[in-house]
Amino acid sequence: MIIFKNIRWKNFLSTGDHFSEVDFEKYHTNLIIGTNGAGKSTMLDALTFVLFNKAFRKINKSQLINTTNERGCLVEIEFSANNRDYFVRRGIKPNIFDIEVNGNPLHKEADDRNNQRLLEESILKLNYKSFTQIVILGSSTFVPFMQLSGSNRREVIEDLLDIRIFSAMNSLIKENIRERKEHTRSLNLKKDNIKDKMCMQENFIKELEEQSKENIQEKNEKIKVLNIEVDTHMEHNQLKESSISDIVKEQEDLSGAGEKLVKLNNLKGKITQKVSTITKEHKFFTENKVCPTCTQDIEESFRVNRIADVQTKARELQKGFKELEESIKTEQERERQFNKLSKEITKLNNGISQNNTRISGCQRQIRDLESEIQKLTDQLADRNIEHDKLAEFKENLQKTIEDLATKRDEIVHYDFAYSLLKDDGVKTKIIKKYLPFINLQVNRYLQMMDFYINFTLDEEFNETVKSPIHEDFSYSSFSEGEKMRIDLALLFTWREVARVKNSANTNLLILDEIFDSSLDGFGTDEFLKIIRFVIKDANIFVISHKTDLHDKFESVIRFDKVKGFSRMISHETVE
């Protein structure tokens, strides 16, 4: 049994730089109250964070640290399990994850991932989903058993019945089967490879014995052909290089066209500006006999002379502009010719590159042929070595066949064990054994809450619901209040199963806002009787907004906001 003793936290969510601490063992029934945002549900998030590195509510880990202090987030919990005392500390900024057993650090050299796996699988023997099913019932983010997927329902049941070891064993067996099948595939490939090598070796020996100078001569002829091809490509490259040289010389006559074109265009722009200025001046003196700025008459002779001067300058600029346009056209044509020649050079260089690739390919083939000729020459000198290789291949083939037979036998044995340990094997038999007990307990608790239905789970953990009025129901067809009673009955049942199996039995039960949501007044009374008089082996914490429940609990813990931080402001004992 897991006995949770106490938990404390600081700089966690809205809690400031001081510890809030809750004693899990002191009282049987505890009421936690406070206004919205006061931090009464923070204990749930702190509990799952310190144990499973995730909040109970849908809050990202980075958001758990207090936004005012922005560091020193820390949660500590003490509990005992298997006659050992444990202390777990987890924090953010700095990141902390420590586990102590009987006051001694546990596996400091291991990484956080391995320590987390050890905490869940070896110490708690619960993962997050199973833990919340037997310890916590929440009103918002909590997912009740009946709303879990089939696979997740099975996972919870296997945790409670302590049969996940079969899943672990099955996984190991599955891995062994996979490894042996992989080894078998490798051996089959090895066998086929050896056979191929034997065949090649036999053919090689036969070919070696039949080999003659004619074969070597044939390869020499191929080398000659390849050498001619190399020479041809090299001659083509020489012609292309010569063409490139001629084009480069032709380009030299066209060089500088681009720069000159830039200068001419700049000059064109300046002339255009002058033409614009002269045009404006001509328009001004043509249209105005009085200065529009000072309103004085413009002397007629001056105005006429200015118009004549402007017209003269305009004619000169027009003439220069025309000559400039001709020069620009000339340089544009020279630049076009230059670019055309550049493209021809690029094309020729690409052709040279392609020829070089072909030359390299031919030379590589020549080297391969020369190597083959040398090998044939060497092998003809001694054929006994090749016969020894063939004998070695035959010996390796026989050993591989024997190893393959052994692995196939092992796979048969592991397949048999796997069939026993998979979901429809031993685990199903154990689940079948406990299903009557589970269904009996569920209906017992439902009747305690005056909910008279027949609720049963089958081997696939699907529900069948019958009542005196209606034959067939489903969980989803009930009202929220009725669903809540079913959820509570299942929660109590899982705790009863854990107690009987001593697998995941724990002293802690936390109920978040169940009185504030869908549980009606009558259901509330019956539920209070259950937690006070039936669930005697647990320390129960009920989180609620309601203030009229004080006298129903042994202790009342009140949370409130003080200077912007959540604090436990009082812990009252009800007489």
Protein backbone atom coordinates (compact mmCIF):
# COMPACT_ATOMS: atom_id res chain seq x y z
CA MET A 1 0.00 0.00 0.00
CA ILE A 2 1.12 3.53 -0.83
CA ILE A 3 0.79 5.89 2.14
CA PHE A 4 0.98 9.52 1.09
CA LYS A 5 2.13 11.60 4.07
CA ASN A 6 2.39 15.23 2.99
CA ILE A 7 2.97 17.55 0.07
CA ARG A 8 4.23 21.11 -0.12
CA TRP A 9 4.84 23.58 -2.95
CA LYS A 10 6.08 27.11 -3.63
CA ASN A 11 6.36 29.39 -6.68
CA PHE A 12 3.92 26.96 -8.26
CA LEU A 13 1.13 28.53 -10.34
CA SER A 14 -0.30 31.38 -8.21
CA THR A 15 1.57 30.33 -5.03
CA GLY A 16 4.39 32.71 -4.07
CA ASP A 17 7.85 32.16 -2.57
CA HIS A 18 6.63 30.35 0.52
CA PHE A 19 5.56 26.78 1.02
CA SER A 20 1.93 25.73 1.14
CA GLU A 21 1.76 22.36 2.88
CA VAL A 22 -0.99 19.77 3.24
CA ASP A 23 -0.84 16.83 5.66
CA PHE A 24 -2.43 13.82 3.97
CA GLU A 25 -2.63 11.57 7.06
CA LYS A 26 -3.98 13.69 9.92
CA TYR A 27 -7.71 13.62 9.19
CA HIS A 28 -10.02 11.12 7.51
CA THR A 29 -12.24 13.71 5.78
CA ASN A 30 -11.01 17.13 4.67
CA LEU A 31 -12.80 19.99 2.92
CA ILE A 32 -10.77 22.42 0.82
CA ILE A 33 -12.59 25.69 0.08
CA GLY A 34 -11.85 29.04 -1.48
CA THR A 35 -13.02 31.46 -4.13
CA ASN A 36 -12.23 31.02 -7.83
CA GLY A 37 -8.53 31.53 -8.43
CA ALA A 38 -7.65 31.20 -4.75
CA GLY A 39 -5.57 28.09 -5.44
CA LYS A 40 -7.69 25.37 -3.87
CA SER A 41 -7.16 23.03 -6.86
CA THR A 42 -3.44 23.76 -7.03
CA MET A 43 -2.75 20.72 -4.83
CA LEU A 44 -4.00 18.44 -7.64
CA ASP A 45 -1.59 19.95 -10.15
CA ALA A 46 1.27 19.87 -7.64
CA LEU A 47 0.56 16.21 -6.84
CA THR A 48 0.58 14.97 -10.45
CA PHE A 49 3.50 17.26 -11.35
CA VAL A 50 5.81 15.98 -8.61
CA LEU A 51 4.90 12.33 -9.38
CA PHE A 52 4.41 12.33 -13.16
CA ASN A 53 5.97 15.60 -14.41
CA LYS A 54 2.63 16.91 -15.73
CA ALA A 55 -0.20 18.98 -14.27
CA PHE A 56 -3.62 17.47 -13.58
CA ARG A 57 -5.30 20.28 -15.49
CA LYS A 58 -4.43 21.12 -19.09
CA ILE A 59 -1.50 23.38 -18.22
CA ASN A 60 1.83 23.34 -20.03
CA LYS A 61 4.85 22.62 -17.85
CA SER A 62 6.37 26.02 -18.68
CA GLN A 63 3.21 27.70 -17.33
CA LEU A 64 3.47 26.03 -13.90
CA ILE A 65 6.14 28.41 -12.60
CA ASN A 66 4.81 31.50 -10.82
CA THR A 67 4.74 34.38 -13.32
CA THR A 68 5.69 36.98 -10.72
CA ASN A 69 8.77 35.33 -9.21
CA GLU A 70 9.64 33.42 -12.42
CA ARG A 71 11.96 30.95 -10.68
CA GLY A 72 12.31 28.59 -7.75
CA CYS A 73 9.24 26.49 -8.61
CA LEU A 74 9.40 23.49 -6.26
CA VAL A 75 7.12 20.65 -5.18
CA GLU A 76 8.03 18.05 -2.52
CA ILE A 77 6.12 14.96 -1.44
CA GLU A 78 6.67 12.24 1.16
CA PHE A 79 5.14 8.79 0.99
CA SER A 80 5.87 5.20 1.95
CA ALA A 81 5.54 2.04 -0.14
CA ASN A 82 6.73 -1.51 0.39
CA ASN A 83 8.07 -0.66 3.87
CA ARG A 84 10.26 2.10 2.48
CA ASP A 85 10.03 5.85 2.97
CA TYR A 86 10.28 7.97 -0.18
CA PHE A 87 10.91 11.66 -0.69
CA VAL A 88 10.44 13.13 -4.18
CA ARG A 89 11.41 16.65 -5.13
CA ARG A 90 10.72 18.23 -8.55
CA GLY A 91 11.34 21.82 -9.61
CA ILE A 92 11.58 24.28 -12.50
CA LYS A 93 14.21 27.03 -12.84
CA PRO A 94 16.31 25.34 -11.78
CA ASN A 95 15.20 21.96 -13.09
CA ILE A 96 15.18 19.47 -10.21
CA PHE A 97 14.17 15.83 -10.00
CA ASP A 98 15.38 13.95 -6.91
CA ILE A 99 14.20 10.69 -5.36
CA GLU A 100 15.31 9.61 -1.88
CA VAL A 101 14.74 6.18 -0.34
CA ASN A 102 15.00 6.00 3.43
CA GLY A 103 16.93 9.26 3.34
CA ASN A 104 19.42 8.15 0.65
CA PRO A 105 19.53 9.54 -2.91
CA LEU A 106 18.34 7.11 -5.55
CA HIS A 107 20.34 6.61 -8.73
CA LYS A 108 21.84 10.11 -8.96
CA GLU A 109 23.86 8.93 -11.96
CA ALA A 110 20.69 8.00 -13.92
CA ASP A 111 18.96 10.51 -16.18
CA ASP A 112 15.51 11.94 -15.41
CA ARG A 113 13.78 9.71 -17.95
CA ASN A 114 15.07 6.51 -16.36
CA ASN A 115 14.27 7.75 -12.84
CA GLN A 116 10.72 8.63 -13.96
CA ARG A 117 10.29 5.15 -15.39
CA LEU A 118 11.59 3.67 -12.10
CA LEU A 119 9.19 5.83 -10.07
CA GLU A 120 6.13 4.77 -12.09
CA GLU A 121 6.96 1.11 -12.78
CA SER A 122 8.81 -0.03 -9.65
CA ILE A 123 7.79 2.30 -6.81
CA LEU A 124 4.26 3.56 -7.51
CA LYS A 125 3.45 0.75 -9.96
CA LEU A 126 1.04 3.23 -11.53
CA ASN A 127 1.12 5.46 -14.56
CA TYR A 128 -0.67 8.79 -14.78
CA LYS A 129 -3.93 7.39 -16.17
CA SER A 130 -4.22 4.64 -13.55
CA PHE A 131 -3.24 6.96 -10.72
CA THR A 132 -5.98 9.45 -11.56
CA GLN A 133 -8.58 6.67 -11.79
CA ILE A 134 -8.08 5.53 -8.17
CA VAL A 135 -6.88 8.73 -6.46
CA ILE A 136 -8.60 11.66 -8.18
CA LEU A 137 -12.06 12.43 -9.46
CA GLY A 138 -12.22 15.86 -11.08
CA SER A 139 -14.98 17.91 -12.62
CA SER A 140 -13.29 19.40 -15.67
CA THR A 141 -10.02 18.05 -17.02
CA PHE A 142 -10.39 14.61 -15.46
CA VAL A 143 -11.40 11.85 -17.89
CA PRO A 144 -13.60 9.28 -16.10
CA PHE A 145 -13.08 5.56 -16.74
CA MET A 146 -16.19 5.33 -18.90
CA GLN A 147 -14.89 8.04 -21.20
CA LEU A 148 -11.51 6.36 -21.77
CA SER A 149 -10.76 4.40 -24.93
CA GLY A 150 -10.87 0.61 -24.79
CA SER A 151 -7.07 0.33 -24.72
CA ASN A 152 -6.78 2.88 -21.90
CA ARG A 153 -9.52 1.10 -19.91
CA ARG A 154 -7.56 -2.14 -20.25
CA GLU A 155 -4.38 -0.38 -19.12
CA VAL A 156 -6.08 0.85 -15.94
CA ILE A 157 -7.54 -2.60 -15.13
CA GLU A 158 -4.20 -4.30 -15.74
CA ASP A 159 -2.52 -1.85 -13.35
CA LEU A 160 -5.13 -2.52 -10.66
CA LEU A 161 -4.95 -6.31 -11.08
CA ASP A 162 -1.17 -6.17 -11.16
CA ILE A 163 -1.03 -8.08 -14.43
CA ARG A 164 0.83 -5.54 -16.50
CA ILE A 165 3.85 -7.72 -15.78
CA PHE A 166 2.35 -10.07 -18.35
CA SER A 167 2.29 -7.21 -20.84
CA ALA A 168 5.93 -6.49 -19.99
CA MET A 169 6.78 -10.18 -20.37
CA ASN A 170 4.80 -10.28 -23.59
CA SER A 171 6.70 -7.27 -24.85
CA LEU A 172 9.99 -9.00 -24.02
CA ILE A 173 8.83 -12.18 -25.74
CA LYS A 174 7.61 -10.13 -28.70
CA GLU A 175 11.02 -8.47 -28.86
CA ASN A 176 12.70 -11.89 -28.66
CA ILE A 177 10.49 -13.15 -31.46
CA ARG A 178 11.26 -10.04 -33.49
CA GLU A 179 14.99 -10.46 -32.89
CA ARG A 180 14.90 -14.14 -33.85
CA LYS A 181 12.79 -13.49 -36.92
CA GLU A 182 15.24 -10.77 -37.85
CA HIS A 183 18.08 -13.21 -37.19
CA THR A 184 16.25 -15.82 -39.27
CA ARG A 185 15.89 -13.34 -42.13
CA SER A 186 19.60 -12.57 -41.80
CA LEU A 187 20.44 -16.29 -41.81
CA ASN A 188 18.23 -16.84 -44.86
CA LEU A 189 19.98 -13.99 -46.60
CA LYS A 190 23.32 -15.42 -45.48
CA LYS A 191 22.32 -18.87 -46.77
CA ASP A 192 21.23 -17.44 -50.13
CA ASN A 193 24.39 -15.36 -50.25
CA ILE A 194 26.59 -18.39 -49.60
CA LYS A 195 24.71 -20.35 -52.26
CA ASP A 196 25.23 -17.52 -54.70
CA LYS A 197 28.91 -17.40 -53.80
CA MET A 198 29.21 -21.17 -54.22
CA CYS A 199 27.57 -20.97 -57.61
CA MET A 200 29.80 -18.08 -58.58
CA GLN A 201 32.85 -19.95 -57.32
CA GLU A 202 31.95 -23.10 -59.23
CA ASN A 203 31.35 -21.08 -62.37
CA PHE A 204 34.53 -19.19 -61.74
CA ILE A 205 36.58 -22.37 -61.42
CA LYS A 206 34.98 -23.72 -64.57
CA GLU A 207 35.60 -20.47 -66.36
CA LEU A 208 39.13 -20.35 -64.99
CA GLU A 209 39.88 -23.77 -66.36
CA GLU A 210 38.40 -22.80 -69.71
CA GLN A 211 40.09 -19.46 -69.75
CA SER A 212 42.45 -18.82 -72.59
CA LYS A 213 44.51 -16.16 -74.25
CA GLU A 214 41.50 -15.49 -76.48
CA ASN A 215 39.59 -14.14 -73.48
CA ILE A 216 42.41 -11.86 -72.47
CA GLN A 217 42.81 -10.76 -76.11
CA GLU A 218 39.12 -9.86 -76.24
CA LYS A 219 39.56 -7.58 -73.24
CA ASN A 220 42.65 -6.04 -74.86
CA GLU A 221 40.59 -5.33 -78.00
CA LYS A 222 38.00 -3.56 -75.86
CA ILE A 223 40.75 -1.49 -74.32
CA LYS A 224 41.93 -0.47 -77.81
CA VAL A 225 38.43 0.61 -78.78
CA LEU A 226 38.11 2.62 -75.58
CA ASN A 227 41.51 4.27 -76.19
CA ILE A 228 40.35 5.31 -79.68
CA GLU A 229 37.18 6.76 -78.14
CA VAL A 230 39.31 8.68 -75.64
CA ASP A 231 41.50 10.07 -78.44
CA THR A 232 38.41 11.09 -80.44
CA HIS A 233 36.90 12.98 -77.46
CA MET A 234 40.24 14.69 -76.81
CA GLU A 235 40.48 15.80 -80.46
CA HIS A 236 36.94 17.20 -80.23
CA ASN A 237 37.96 19.09 -77.10
CA GLN A 238 40.94 20.59 -78.91
CA LEU A 239 38.67 21.82 -81.69
CA LYS A 240 36.26 23.33 -79.19
CA GLU A 241 39.10 25.02 -77.30
CA SER A 242 40.34 26.48 -80.58
CA SER A 243 36.85 27.79 -81.34
CA ILE A 244 36.69 29.33 -77.89
CA SER A 245 40.02 31.08 -78.50
CA ASP A 246 38.69 32.57 -81.77
CA ILE A 247 35.49 33.73 -80.13
CA VAL A 248 37.44 35.33 -77.27
CA LYS A 249 39.44 37.33 -79.78
CA GLU A 250 36.21 38.41 -81.47
CA GLN A 251 34.85 39.41 -78.06
CA GLU A 252 37.84 41.62 -77.43
CA ASP A 253 36.65 43.91 -80.24
CA LEU A 254 33.27 44.13 -78.59
CA SER A 255 34.50 44.63 -75.03
CA GLY A 256 33.51 47.76 -73.23
CA ALA A 257 30.16 48.02 -75.01
CA GLY A 258 28.27 47.58 -71.76
CA GLU A 259 30.18 50.28 -69.91
CA LYS A 260 29.88 52.68 -72.84
CA LEU A 261 26.15 51.93 -73.04
CA VAL A 262 25.77 52.85 -69.36
CA LYS A 263 27.54 56.17 -69.94
CA LEU A 264 25.45 56.94 -73.03
CA ASN A 265 22.23 56.20 -71.13
CA ASN A 266 23.35 58.47 -68.32
CA LEU A 267 24.07 61.22 -70.90
CA LYS A 268 20.66 60.59 -72.43
CA GLY A 269 19.08 61.15 -69.04
CA LYS A 270 20.90 64.45 -68.57
CA ILE A 271 19.89 65.68 -72.06
CA THR A 272 16.31 64.64 -71.34
CA GLN A 273 16.38 66.76 -68.16
CA LYS A 274 17.77 69.75 -70.08
CA VAL A 275 15.09 69.38 -72.74
CA SER A 276 12.47 69.33 -69.96
CA THR A 277 13.93 72.48 -68.43
CA ILE A 278 14.13 74.36 -71.78
CA THR A 279 10.56 73.26 -72.60
CA LYS A 280 9.31 74.71 -69.30
CA GLU A 281 11.22 77.98 -69.92
CA HIS A 282 9.85 78.29 -73.48
CA LYS A 283 6.31 77.67 -72.16
CA PHE A 284 6.78 80.30 -69.44
CA PHE A 285 7.91 83.14 -71.74
CA THR A 286 5.44 82.17 -74.44
CA GLU A 287 2.44 82.20 -72.09
CA ASN A 288 3.44 85.01 -69.69
CA LYS A 289 3.97 88.74 -70.36
CA VAL A 290 3.66 89.53 -66.67
CA CYS A 291 5.66 87.85 -63.95
CA PRO A 292 3.20 85.70 -61.98
CA THR A 293 5.27 86.03 -58.84
CA CYS A 294 5.93 89.79 -58.61
CA THR A 295 3.14 90.87 -61.08
CA GLN A 296 5.57 93.18 -62.97
CA ASP A 297 5.57 93.39 -66.79
CA ILE A 298 8.21 91.40 -68.57
CA GLU A 299 10.09 93.52 -71.04
CA GLU A 300 8.94 92.44 -74.49
CA SER A 301 12.39 92.46 -76.08
CA PHE A 302 13.78 90.41 -73.24
CA ARG A 303 10.88 87.94 -73.53
CA VAL A 304 11.32 87.58 -77.33
CA ASN A 305 15.08 87.09 -77.01
CA ARG A 306 14.60 84.43 -74.34
CA ILE A 307 12.15 82.57 -76.52
CA ALA A 308 14.60 82.68 -79.44
CA ASP A 309 17.49 81.49 -77.27
CA VAL A 310 15.40 78.66 -75.90
CA GLN A 311 14.34 77.55 -79.38
CA THR A 312 17.99 77.60 -80.52
CA LYS A 313 19.07 75.48 -77.57
CA ALA A 314 16.16 73.12 -78.17
CA ARG A 315 17.23 72.56 -81.79
CA GLU A 316 20.79 71.89 -80.68
CA LEU A 317 19.67 69.43 -78.03
CA GLN A 318 17.36 67.71 -80.52
CA LYS A 319 20.26 67.21 -82.87
CA GLY A 320 22.52 65.93 -80.07
CA PHE A 321 19.77 63.66 -78.76
CA LYS A 322 19.33 62.09 -82.20
CA GLU A 323 23.05 61.44 -82.53
CA LEU A 324 23.07 59.98 -79.01
CA GLU A 325 20.19 57.62 -79.88
CA GLU A 326 22.20 56.32 -82.85
CA SER A 327 25.23 55.74 -80.64
CA ILE A 328 23.10 53.86 -78.08
CA LYS A 329 21.67 51.61 -80.80
CA THR A 330 25.18 50.86 -82.01
CA GLU A 331 26.44 49.96 -78.55
CA GLN A 332 23.32 47.87 -77.83
CA GLU A 333 24.02 45.83 -80.95
CA ARG A 334 27.67 45.39 -79.90
CA GLU A 335 26.57 44.27 -76.46
CA ARG A 336 24.07 41.80 -77.97
CA GLN A 337 26.85 40.36 -80.13
CA PHE A 338 29.10 40.11 -77.07
CA ASN A 339 26.45 38.21 -75.09
CA LYS A 340 25.77 35.92 -78.06
CA LEU A 341 29.46 35.03 -78.22
CA SER A 342 29.48 34.41 -74.46
CA LYS A 343 26.62 31.90 -74.84
CA GLU A 344 28.60 30.16 -77.61
CA ILE A 345 31.61 29.93 -75.28
CA THR A 346 29.41 28.46 -72.53
CA LYS A 347 27.97 25.91 -74.95
CA LEU A 348 31.46 24.90 -76.09
CA ASN A 349 32.68 24.62 -72.47
CA ASN A 350 29.69 22.39 -71.64
CA GLY A 351 30.60 20.21 -74.60
CA ILE A 352 34.20 19.98 -73.34
CA SER A 353 32.89 19.03 -69.86
CA GLN A 354 30.67 16.31 -71.33
CA ASN A 355 33.58 14.96 -73.34
CA ASN A 356 35.76 14.95 -70.21
CA THR A 357 33.06 12.92 -68.44
CA ARG A 358 33.04 10.44 -71.32
CA ILE A 359 36.85 10.30 -71.24
CA SER A 360 36.80 9.59 -67.49
CA GLY A 361 34.24 6.84 -68.05
CA CYS A 362 36.33 5.24 -70.77
CA GLN A 363 39.47 5.44 -68.65
CA ARG A 364 37.63 3.83 -65.73
CA GLN A 365 36.50 0.98 -67.99
CA ILE A 366 40.06 0.60 -69.22
CA ARG A 367 41.34 0.33 -65.65
CA ASP A 368 38.62 -2.23 -64.83
CA LEU A 369 39.52 -4.30 -67.88
CA GLU A 370 43.21 -4.13 -67.07
CA SER A 371 42.40 -5.24 -63.52
CA GLU A 372 40.34 -8.16 -64.86
CA ILE A 373 43.16 -9.15 -67.17
CA GLN A 374 45.60 -9.08 -64.26
CA LYS A 375 43.25 -11.10 -62.10
CA LEU A 376 42.76 -13.71 -64.83
CA THR A 377 46.49 -13.94 -65.28
CA ASP A 378 47.09 -14.40 -61.53
CA GLN A 379 44.25 -16.90 -61.07
CA LEU A 380 45.39 -19.05 -63.94
CA ALA A 381 48.61 -19.51 -62.05
CA ASP A 382 47.03 -21.34 -59.14
CA ARG A 383 43.58 -23.01 -59.23
CA ASN A 384 43.94 -24.95 -55.96
CA ILE A 385 43.26 -21.83 -53.90
CA GLU A 386 39.84 -21.42 -55.55
CA HIS A 387 38.93 -25.04 -54.78
CA ASP A 388 39.77 -24.41 -51.09
CA LYS A 389 37.43 -21.39 -51.13
CA LEU A 390 34.63 -23.53 -52.54
CA ALA A 391 35.07 -26.08 -49.73
CA GLU A 392 34.94 -23.25 -47.15
CA PHE A 393 31.68 -21.98 -48.67
CA LYS A 394 30.14 -25.46 -48.39
CA GLU A 395 31.14 -25.70 -44.71
CA ASN A 396 29.65 -22.25 -43.93
CA LEU A 397 26.44 -23.21 -45.74
CA GLN A 398 25.97 -26.32 -43.59
CA LYS A 399 26.51 -24.34 -40.36
CA THR A 400 24.08 -21.62 -41.47
CA ILE A 401 21.39 -24.23 -42.22
CA GLU A 402 21.85 -25.71 -38.72
CA ASP A 403 21.65 -22.23 -37.08
CA LEU A 404 18.52 -21.48 -39.11
CA ALA A 405 16.82 -24.65 -37.86
CA THR A 406 17.68 -23.74 -34.25
CA LYS A 407 16.21 -20.20 -34.60
CA ARG A 408 13.04 -21.56 -36.18
CA ASP A 409 12.55 -23.92 -33.22
CA GLU A 410 13.04 -21.00 -30.81
CA ILE A 411 10.44 -18.94 -32.69
CA VAL A 412 7.91 -21.78 -32.35
CA HIS A 413 8.45 -21.89 -28.58
CA TYR A 414 8.28 -18.10 -28.18
CA ASP A 415 5.16 -17.92 -30.37
CA PHE A 416 3.46 -20.37 -28.02
CA ALA A 417 4.42 -18.26 -24.96
CA TYR A 418 3.30 -15.11 -26.77
CA SER A 419 -0.12 -16.60 -27.50
CA LEU A 420 -0.54 -17.33 -23.79
CA LEU A 421 0.47 -13.84 -22.63
CA LYS A 422 -1.35 -11.67 -25.16
CA ASP A 423 -4.57 -9.85 -24.29
CA ASP A 424 -6.88 -12.78 -25.02
CA GLY A 425 -4.69 -15.28 -23.10
CA VAL A 426 -3.76 -15.45 -19.41
CA LYS A 427 -4.65 -11.79 -18.77
CA THR A 428 -8.19 -12.31 -20.05
CA LYS A 429 -8.63 -15.32 -17.74
CA ILE A 430 -7.52 -13.23 -14.75
CA ILE A 431 -9.78 -10.36 -15.78
CA LYS A 432 -12.70 -12.79 -16.16
CA LYS A 433 -12.02 -13.97 -12.63
CA TYR A 434 -12.29 -10.46 -11.21
CA LEU A 435 -15.12 -9.13 -13.39
CA PRO A 436 -17.88 -10.54 -11.11
CA PHE A 437 -16.23 -8.87 -8.10
CA ILE A 438 -15.87 -5.59 -10.00
CA ASN A 439 -19.47 -5.60 -11.18
CA LEU A 440 -20.70 -6.55 -7.69
CA GLN A 441 -18.83 -3.65 -6.09
CA VAL A 442 -19.96 -1.11 -8.71
CA ASN A 443 -23.60 -1.99 -8.17
CA ARG A 444 -23.11 -2.05 -4.38
CA TYR A 445 -21.87 1.55 -4.40
CA LEU A 446 -24.58 2.60 -6.87
CA GLN A 447 -27.23 1.24 -4.52
CA MET A 448 -25.61 3.06 -1.61
CA MET A 449 -26.22 6.25 -3.62
CA ASP A 450 -29.83 5.13 -4.24
CA PHE A 451 -29.18 4.55 -7.92
CA TYR A 452 -30.89 1.24 -8.65
CA ILE A 453 -29.55 0.05 -11.96
CA ASN A 454 -27.72 -3.09 -13.02
CA PHE A 455 -24.32 -1.94 -14.31
CA THR A 456 -21.91 -4.56 -15.73
CA LEU A 457 -18.61 -4.47 -17.60
CA ASP A 458 -17.68 -7.21 -20.06
CA GLU A 459 -14.23 -8.58 -20.99
CA GLU A 460 -13.72 -5.68 -23.41
CA PHE A 461 -14.73 -3.23 -20.64
CA ASN A 462 -17.87 -2.16 -22.47
CA GLU A 463 -20.85 -1.44 -20.24
CA THR A 464 -24.28 -2.99 -20.17
CA VAL A 465 -26.86 -1.07 -18.15
CA LYS A 466 -30.34 -2.31 -17.27
CA SER A 467 -33.03 -0.85 -15.07
CA PRO A 468 -36.52 -1.90 -13.97
CA ILE A 469 -37.94 0.63 -16.44
CA HIS A 470 -35.65 0.26 -19.44
CA GLU A 471 -33.82 -2.82 -20.64
CA ASP A 472 -30.82 -1.31 -22.30
CA PHE A 473 -28.93 1.82 -21.39
CA SER A 474 -25.46 3.16 -22.03
CA TYR A 475 -23.31 5.45 -19.93
CA SER A 476 -23.78 8.30 -22.42
CA SER A 477 -27.58 8.12 -22.18
CA PHE A 478 -27.64 9.17 -18.50
CA SER A 479 -27.84 12.68 -17.09
CA GLU A 480 -24.70 14.36 -15.79
CA GLY A 481 -25.75 13.68 -12.21
CA GLU A 482 -26.30 9.99 -12.95
CA LYS A 483 -22.97 9.82 -14.79
CA MET A 484 -21.30 11.31 -11.73
CA ARG A 485 -22.74 8.55 -9.52
CA ILE A 486 -21.45 5.91 -11.94
CA ASP A 487 -18.02 7.60 -11.97
CA LEU A 488 -17.97 7.64 -8.16
CA ALA A 489 -19.04 4.00 -7.96
CA LEU A 490 -16.26 3.02 -10.36
CA LEU A 491 -13.72 5.11 -8.44
CA PHE A 492 -14.63 3.38 -5.17
CA THR A 493 -14.59 0.02 -6.92
CA TRP A 494 -11.10 0.54 -8.34
CA ARG A 495 -9.91 1.42 -4.86
CA GLU A 496 -11.54 -1.75 -3.52
CA VAL A 497 -9.87 -3.84 -6.23
CA ALA A 498 -6.52 -2.19 -5.44
CA ARG A 499 -7.03 -2.96 -1.76
CA VAL A 500 -7.87 -6.61 -2.44
CA LYS A 501 -4.94 -7.06 -4.81
CA ASN A 502 -2.67 -4.76 -2.77
CA SER A 503 -1.39 -3.61 -6.12
CA ALA A 504 -2.11 0.09 -6.29
CA ASN A 505 -3.79 0.57 -2.94
CA THR A 506 -3.34 4.06 -1.48
CA ASN A 507 -4.58 6.10 1.44
CA LEU A 508 -5.29 9.19 -0.69
CA LEU A 509 -8.58 10.13 -2.36
CA ILE A 510 -9.14 13.60 -3.85
CA LEU A 511 -12.49 14.75 -5.23
CA ASP A 512 -12.48 18.01 -7.15
CA GLU A 513 -15.71 20.06 -7.25
CA ILE A 514 -18.04 17.05 -7.45
CA PHE A 515 -20.55 18.87 -5.24
CA ASP A 516 -20.33 21.96 -7.43
CA SER A 517 -21.26 20.32 -10.71
CA SER A 518 -23.72 17.60 -11.48
CA LEU A 519 -24.20 15.73 -8.18
CA ASP A 520 -27.66 16.58 -6.85
CA GLY A 521 -28.51 17.26 -3.23
CA PHE A 522 -29.78 13.75 -2.54
CA GLY A 523 -26.72 12.24 -4.15
CA THR A 524 -24.53 14.53 -2.05
CA ASP A 525 -25.98 13.23 1.21
CA GLU A 526 -25.53 9.63 0.21
CA PHE A 527 -22.03 10.26 -1.02
CA LEU A 528 -21.03 11.93 2.26
CA LYS A 529 -22.27 8.86 4.13
CA ILE A 530 -20.10 6.66 1.91
CA ILE A 531 -16.89 8.61 2.39
CA ARG A 532 -17.46 8.93 6.15
CA PHE A 533 -18.60 5.44 7.02
CA VAL A 534 -17.69 3.12 4.11
CA ILE A 535 -14.39 4.41 2.70
CA LYS A 536 -12.53 4.10 5.99
CA ASP A 537 -9.05 3.29 4.72
CA ALA A 538 -8.52 6.59 2.91
CA ASN A 539 -7.74 10.17 3.76
CA ILE A 540 -10.29 12.05 1.67
CA PHE A 541 -9.91 15.58 0.38
CA VAL A 542 -12.93 17.28 -1.19
CA ILE A 543 -12.38 20.53 -3.11
CA SER A 544 -15.49 22.69 -3.30
CA HIS A 545 -16.91 26.19 -3.64
CA LYS A 546 -19.71 25.35 -1.25
CA THR A 547 -19.52 26.84 2.23
CA ASP A 548 -22.38 24.88 3.80
CA LEU A 549 -20.45 21.62 4.12
CA HIS A 550 -18.16 22.52 7.04
CA ASP A 551 -19.91 20.37 9.58
CA LYS A 552 -19.70 17.31 7.29
CA PHE A 553 -15.89 17.08 7.47
CA GLU A 554 -13.29 16.61 10.21
CA SER A 555 -11.13 19.49 8.94
CA VAL A 556 -11.60 22.51 6.68
CA ILE A 557 -8.70 24.01 4.71
CA ARG A 558 -9.25 27.48 3.31
CA PHE A 559 -7.25 29.04 0.46
CA ASP A 560 -7.35 32.72 -0.53
CA LYS A 561 -5.42 35.34 -2.46
CA VAL A 562 -3.07 37.49 -0.31
CA LYS A 563 -1.25 40.30 -2.12
CA GLY A 564 -1.75 38.53 -5.42
CA PHE A 565 -0.49 35.12 -4.21
CA SER A 566 -2.47 32.01 -3.26
CA ARG A 567 -2.06 31.02 0.38
CA MET A 568 -3.51 28.57 2.83
CA ILE A 569 -5.00 31.09 5.27
CA SER A 570 -6.58 28.67 7.75
CA HIS A 571 -6.89 25.02 8.73
CA GLU A 572 -9.85 24.46 11.01
CA THR A 573 -10.73 21.33 12.91
CA VAL A 574 -14.44 20.65 13.10
CA GLU A 575 -15.56 19.57 16.57
